């Protein structure tokens, strides 16, 4: 059985979030939580909260045991990009792209 949690429109670039997400893929949830607690990346905190939400969904909604869960699927998709402009020399404008991400975690108790 599977349980899912999604986080939309987080203001972290997908490339940076994928660095964090790739470390916990196919790991047991206890090991994934330990990895995220000790990771020195900005994206680790929201991914940890999302993982805890997926675990809570599995336990409360589907009646699964938290000890047997593992991270089955986790992926980061690109969200909408916020476009901002910064003034530069000679009256030009420089575009700044503020990227957003959509993160999805699926936990399962069956391999």
N, C-alpha and C. Protein backbone atom coordinates (compact mmCIF):
# COMPACT_ATOMS: atom_id res chain seq x y z
N UNK A 1 0.84 -1.18 0.00
CA UNK A 1 0.00 0.00 0.00
C UNK A 1 0.89 1.25 0.00
N UNK A 2 0.38 2.31 -0.51
CA UNK A 2 1.16 3.54 -0.65
C UNK A 2 0.46 4.72 0.00
N UNK A 3 1.28 5.69 0.41
CA UNK A 3 0.76 6.97 0.91
C UNK A 3 1.58 8.07 0.26
N UNK A 4 0.94 9.22 0.02
CA UNK A 4 1.56 10.27 -0.77
C UNK A 4 1.44 11.61 -0.07
N UNK A 5 2.45 12.45 -0.27
CA UNK A 5 2.40 13.84 0.21
C UNK A 5 3.05 14.72 -0.85
N UNK A 6 2.46 15.92 -1.05
CA UNK A 6 2.97 16.83 -2.06
C UNK A 6 3.20 18.21 -1.46
N UNK A 7 4.21 18.87 -1.97
CA UNK A 7 4.51 20.24 -1.58
C UNK A 7 4.63 21.06 -2.86
N UNK A 8 3.80 22.08 -2.99
CA UNK A 8 3.76 22.86 -4.22
C UNK A 8 4.29 24.26 -3.99
N UNK A 9 4.86 24.83 -5.04
CA UNK A 9 5.27 26.23 -5.09
C UNK A 9 6.29 26.61 -4.02
N UNK A 10 7.20 25.72 -3.68
CA UNK A 10 8.23 26.07 -2.70
C UNK A 10 9.32 26.87 -3.41
N UNK A 11 9.83 27.90 -2.76
CA UNK A 11 10.77 28.82 -3.39
C UNK A 11 12.22 28.32 -3.28
N UNK A 12 12.44 27.12 -3.81
CA UNK A 12 13.78 26.55 -3.94
C UNK A 12 13.90 26.06 -5.37
N UNK A 13 15.04 26.28 -5.98
CA UNK A 13 15.18 25.85 -7.36
C UNK A 13 15.15 24.32 -7.43
N UNK A 14 14.57 23.76 -8.47
CA UNK A 14 14.47 22.30 -8.58
C UNK A 14 15.83 21.61 -8.59
N UNK A 15 16.80 22.26 -9.17
CA UNK A 15 18.14 21.66 -9.24
C UNK A 15 18.73 21.45 -7.84
N UNK A 16 18.54 22.43 -6.97
CA UNK A 16 19.06 22.33 -5.60
C UNK A 16 18.24 21.35 -4.76
N UNK A 17 16.93 21.31 -5.00
CA UNK A 17 16.08 20.38 -4.26
C UNK A 17 16.36 18.93 -4.66
N UNK A 18 16.69 18.71 -5.92
CA UNK A 18 17.00 17.34 -6.37
C UNK A 18 18.24 16.78 -5.71
N UNK A 19 19.20 17.63 -5.35
CA UNK A 19 20.39 17.16 -4.64
C UNK A 19 20.00 16.51 -3.31
N UNK A 20 19.03 17.10 -2.62
CA UNK A 20 18.58 16.58 -1.34
C UNK A 20 17.72 15.34 -1.53
N UNK A 21 16.81 15.40 -2.47
CA UNK A 21 15.85 14.33 -2.70
C UNK A 21 16.54 13.04 -3.17
N UNK A 22 17.59 13.16 -3.95
CA UNK A 22 18.28 11.98 -4.47
C UNK A 22 18.95 11.17 -3.37
N UNK A 23 19.26 11.78 -2.23
CA UNK A 23 19.94 11.05 -1.16
C UNK A 23 19.01 10.14 -0.38
N UNK A 24 17.68 10.40 -0.40
CA UNK A 24 16.77 9.59 0.40
C UNK A 24 15.95 8.60 -0.42
N UNK A 25 16.12 8.59 -1.72
CA UNK A 25 15.32 7.71 -2.58
C UNK A 25 15.61 6.24 -2.24
N UNK A 26 14.58 5.43 -2.10
CA UNK A 26 14.59 3.98 -1.81
C UNK A 26 15.18 3.64 -0.44
N UNK A 27 15.22 4.57 0.49
CA UNK A 27 15.76 4.31 1.83
C UNK A 27 14.59 4.06 2.79
N UNK A 28 14.81 3.30 3.87
CA UNK A 28 13.79 3.21 4.92
C UNK A 28 13.57 4.59 5.53
N UNK A 29 12.37 4.83 6.04
CA UNK A 29 12.04 6.18 6.49
C UNK A 29 12.88 6.61 7.69
N UNK A 30 13.23 5.70 8.57
CA UNK A 30 14.07 6.06 9.72
C UNK A 30 15.44 6.54 9.25
N UNK A 31 16.00 5.86 8.28
CA UNK A 31 17.30 6.25 7.73
C UNK A 31 17.18 7.56 6.95
N UNK A 32 16.09 7.76 6.22
CA UNK A 32 15.88 9.00 5.46
C UNK A 32 15.75 10.20 6.40
N UNK A 33 15.05 10.03 7.52
CA UNK A 33 14.91 11.10 8.50
C UNK A 33 16.27 11.46 9.09
N UNK A 34 17.08 10.45 9.40
CA UNK A 34 18.41 10.71 9.94
C UNK A 34 19.30 11.44 8.94
N UNK A 35 19.21 11.07 7.68
CA UNK A 35 19.98 11.74 6.63
C UNK A 35 19.57 13.20 6.52
N UNK A 36 18.27 13.47 6.52
CA UNK A 36 17.79 14.84 6.37
C UNK A 36 18.09 15.72 7.59
N UNK A 37 18.09 15.11 8.79
CA UNK A 37 18.43 15.87 9.99
C UNK A 37 19.87 16.36 9.95
N UNK A 38 20.76 15.57 9.37
CA UNK A 38 22.19 15.88 9.38
C UNK A 38 22.68 16.56 8.11
N UNK A 39 21.78 16.85 7.18
CA UNK A 39 22.18 17.46 5.92
C UNK A 39 22.22 18.97 6.06
N UNK A 40 23.26 19.58 5.52
CA UNK A 40 23.45 21.02 5.63
C UNK A 40 23.03 21.70 4.32
N UNK A 41 21.78 21.51 3.94
CA UNK A 41 21.22 22.13 2.75
C UNK A 41 19.91 22.80 3.14
N UNK A 42 19.58 23.90 2.47
CA UNK A 42 18.36 24.63 2.77
C UNK A 42 17.12 23.80 2.45
N UNK A 43 17.18 22.99 1.42
CA UNK A 43 16.02 22.20 1.00
C UNK A 43 15.76 21.01 1.92
N UNK A 44 16.67 20.70 2.83
CA UNK A 44 16.49 19.53 3.69
C UNK A 44 15.33 19.70 4.66
N UNK A 45 15.12 20.91 5.17
CA UNK A 45 14.04 21.12 6.14
C UNK A 45 12.65 20.92 5.54
N UNK A 46 12.31 21.54 4.40
CA UNK A 46 10.98 21.27 3.85
C UNK A 46 10.79 19.84 3.37
N UNK A 47 11.85 19.19 2.91
CA UNK A 47 11.74 17.79 2.49
C UNK A 47 11.49 16.91 3.71
N UNK A 48 12.13 17.24 4.84
CA UNK A 48 11.92 16.48 6.08
C UNK A 48 10.47 16.64 6.55
N UNK A 49 9.93 17.85 6.50
CA UNK A 49 8.54 18.07 6.89
C UNK A 49 7.59 17.31 5.97
N UNK A 50 7.91 17.29 4.69
CA UNK A 50 7.07 16.58 3.73
C UNK A 50 7.13 15.07 3.96
N UNK A 51 8.31 14.55 4.30
CA UNK A 51 8.45 13.12 4.60
C UNK A 51 7.65 12.76 5.84
N UNK A 52 7.70 13.61 6.87
CA UNK A 52 6.91 13.35 8.07
C UNK A 52 5.42 13.39 7.76
N UNK A 53 5.00 14.26 6.85
CA UNK A 53 3.60 14.31 6.45
C UNK A 53 3.19 13.04 5.72
N UNK A 54 4.06 12.53 4.84
CA UNK A 54 3.75 11.29 4.12
C UNK A 54 3.66 10.11 5.09
N UNK A 55 4.53 10.09 6.10
CA UNK A 55 4.47 9.03 7.11
C UNK A 55 3.17 9.11 7.90
N UNK A 56 2.77 10.34 8.28
CA UNK A 56 1.52 10.52 9.01
C UNK A 56 0.33 10.11 8.16
N UNK A 57 0.36 10.42 6.87
CA UNK A 57 -0.71 9.99 5.97
C UNK A 57 -0.80 8.47 5.93
N UNK A 58 0.35 7.81 5.88
CA UNK A 58 0.36 6.35 5.81
C UNK A 58 -0.19 5.72 7.09
N UNK A 59 0.19 6.28 8.23
CA UNK A 59 -0.24 5.70 9.51
C UNK A 59 -1.71 6.01 9.78
N UNK A 60 -2.10 7.27 9.62
CA UNK A 60 -3.46 7.67 10.01
C UNK A 60 -4.53 7.33 8.98
N UNK A 61 -4.22 7.49 7.70
CA UNK A 61 -5.24 7.27 6.67
C UNK A 61 -5.30 5.83 6.19
N UNK A 62 -4.15 5.17 6.12
CA UNK A 62 -4.11 3.82 5.54
C UNK A 62 -3.83 2.72 6.56
N UNK A 63 -3.54 3.09 7.81
CA UNK A 63 -3.31 2.09 8.86
C UNK A 63 -2.03 1.29 8.70
N UNK A 64 -1.04 1.85 8.04
CA UNK A 64 0.23 1.14 7.87
C UNK A 64 1.11 1.34 9.10
N UNK A 65 2.08 0.46 9.27
CA UNK A 65 3.03 0.56 10.38
C UNK A 65 4.19 1.46 9.96
N UNK A 66 4.55 2.42 10.81
CA UNK A 66 5.61 3.37 10.47
C UNK A 66 6.98 2.70 10.42
N UNK A 67 7.14 1.58 11.12
CA UNK A 67 8.44 0.90 11.16
C UNK A 67 8.78 0.22 9.84
N UNK A 68 7.78 -0.18 9.07
CA UNK A 68 8.01 -0.93 7.84
C UNK A 68 8.05 -0.06 6.59
N UNK A 69 7.86 1.25 6.73
CA UNK A 69 7.78 2.12 5.57
C UNK A 69 9.15 2.42 4.98
N UNK A 70 9.18 2.62 3.67
CA UNK A 70 10.37 3.10 2.99
C UNK A 70 9.95 4.09 1.91
N UNK A 71 10.89 4.91 1.48
CA UNK A 71 10.61 5.93 0.48
C UNK A 71 10.60 5.24 -0.88
N UNK A 72 9.43 5.05 -1.44
CA UNK A 72 9.31 4.35 -2.72
C UNK A 72 9.68 5.27 -3.87
N UNK A 73 9.05 6.43 -3.93
CA UNK A 73 9.27 7.38 -5.02
C UNK A 73 9.37 8.77 -4.43
N UNK A 74 10.31 9.54 -4.95
CA UNK A 74 10.40 10.95 -4.58
C UNK A 74 10.94 11.69 -5.79
N UNK A 75 10.27 12.77 -6.15
CA UNK A 75 10.72 13.53 -7.32
C UNK A 75 10.40 15.00 -7.15
N UNK A 76 11.14 15.81 -7.91
CA UNK A 76 10.98 17.26 -7.88
C UNK A 76 10.66 17.72 -9.30
N UNK A 77 9.55 18.42 -9.45
CA UNK A 77 9.19 19.02 -10.73
C UNK A 77 9.35 20.53 -10.64
N UNK A 78 9.53 21.13 -11.79
CA UNK A 78 9.70 22.57 -11.84
C UNK A 78 8.35 23.26 -11.79
N UNK A 79 8.26 24.27 -10.93
CA UNK A 79 7.05 25.07 -10.82
C UNK A 79 7.18 26.33 -11.65
N UNK A 80 6.24 27.26 -11.51
CA UNK A 80 6.34 28.51 -12.25
C UNK A 80 7.52 29.35 -11.78
N UNK A 81 8.10 30.08 -12.71
CA UNK A 81 9.26 30.92 -12.41
C UNK A 81 8.81 32.36 -12.23
N UNK A 82 9.23 32.96 -11.12
CA UNK A 82 8.94 34.38 -10.88
C UNK A 82 10.02 35.19 -11.57
N UNK A 83 9.62 36.17 -12.35
CA UNK A 83 10.58 36.97 -13.10
C UNK A 83 10.67 38.36 -12.47
N UNK A 84 11.88 38.74 -12.11
CA UNK A 84 12.16 40.05 -11.53
C UNK A 84 13.23 40.74 -12.37
N UNK A 85 13.30 42.05 -12.29
CA UNK A 85 14.27 42.80 -13.09
C UNK A 85 15.12 43.67 -12.18
N UNK A 86 16.38 43.77 -12.55
CA UNK A 86 17.35 44.55 -11.80
C UNK A 86 17.96 45.57 -12.75
N UNK A 87 18.05 46.82 -12.35
CA UNK A 87 18.67 47.81 -13.23
C UNK A 87 20.17 47.58 -13.37
N UNK A 88 20.66 47.78 -14.60
CA UNK A 88 22.08 47.61 -14.89
C UNK A 88 22.59 48.88 -15.58
N UNK A 89 23.82 48.83 -15.99
CA UNK A 89 24.46 50.00 -16.58
C UNK A 89 23.82 50.37 -17.91
N UNK A 90 23.90 51.66 -18.26
CA UNK A 90 23.43 52.21 -19.53
C UNK A 90 21.93 52.00 -19.72
N UNK A 91 21.16 51.99 -18.64
CA UNK A 91 19.71 51.91 -18.75
C UNK A 91 19.17 50.54 -19.09
N UNK A 92 19.99 49.53 -19.03
CA UNK A 92 19.52 48.18 -19.34
C UNK A 92 18.86 47.55 -18.11
N UNK A 93 18.11 46.49 -18.35
CA UNK A 93 17.50 45.72 -17.27
C UNK A 93 18.00 44.29 -17.35
N UNK A 94 18.31 43.73 -16.19
CA UNK A 94 18.81 42.38 -16.10
C UNK A 94 17.73 41.52 -15.46
N UNK A 95 17.36 40.41 -16.10
CA UNK A 95 16.28 39.57 -15.60
C UNK A 95 16.81 38.60 -14.54
N UNK A 96 16.10 38.51 -13.43
CA UNK A 96 16.42 37.55 -12.37
C UNK A 96 15.30 36.53 -12.34
N UNK A 97 15.64 35.26 -12.43
CA UNK A 97 14.66 34.18 -12.42
C UNK A 97 14.63 33.54 -11.04
N UNK A 98 13.49 33.65 -10.38
CA UNK A 98 13.32 33.03 -9.07
C UNK A 98 12.49 31.77 -9.28
N UNK A 99 13.15 30.64 -9.23
CA UNK A 99 12.52 29.37 -9.59
C UNK A 99 11.79 28.75 -8.40
N UNK A 100 10.73 28.00 -8.71
CA UNK A 100 9.96 27.30 -7.69
C UNK A 100 9.92 25.81 -8.02
N UNK A 101 9.54 25.02 -7.02
CA UNK A 101 9.54 23.56 -7.17
C UNK A 101 8.25 22.96 -6.65
N UNK A 102 7.91 21.81 -7.19
CA UNK A 102 6.84 20.95 -6.67
C UNK A 102 7.52 19.64 -6.27
N UNK A 103 7.41 19.25 -4.99
CA UNK A 103 8.06 18.04 -4.49
C UNK A 103 6.98 17.03 -4.13
N UNK A 104 7.19 15.77 -4.52
CA UNK A 104 6.24 14.69 -4.22
C UNK A 104 7.00 13.53 -3.61
N UNK A 105 6.46 13.00 -2.50
CA UNK A 105 7.04 11.84 -1.84
C UNK A 105 5.97 10.77 -1.72
N UNK A 106 6.30 9.55 -2.11
CA UNK A 106 5.41 8.39 -1.95
C UNK A 106 6.13 7.37 -1.09
N UNK A 107 5.50 6.99 0.02
CA UNK A 107 6.07 5.97 0.90
C UNK A 107 5.22 4.72 0.77
N UNK A 108 5.87 3.57 0.96
CA UNK A 108 5.18 2.30 0.79
C UNK A 108 5.70 1.31 1.84
N UNK A 109 4.92 0.27 2.10
CA UNK A 109 5.38 -0.78 3.01
C UNK A 109 5.69 -2.08 2.28
N UNK A 110 5.48 -2.10 0.97
CA UNK A 110 5.76 -3.30 0.16
C UNK A 110 6.83 -2.96 -0.84
N UNK A 111 7.86 -3.80 -0.91
CA UNK A 111 8.97 -3.52 -1.84
C UNK A 111 8.62 -3.92 -3.25
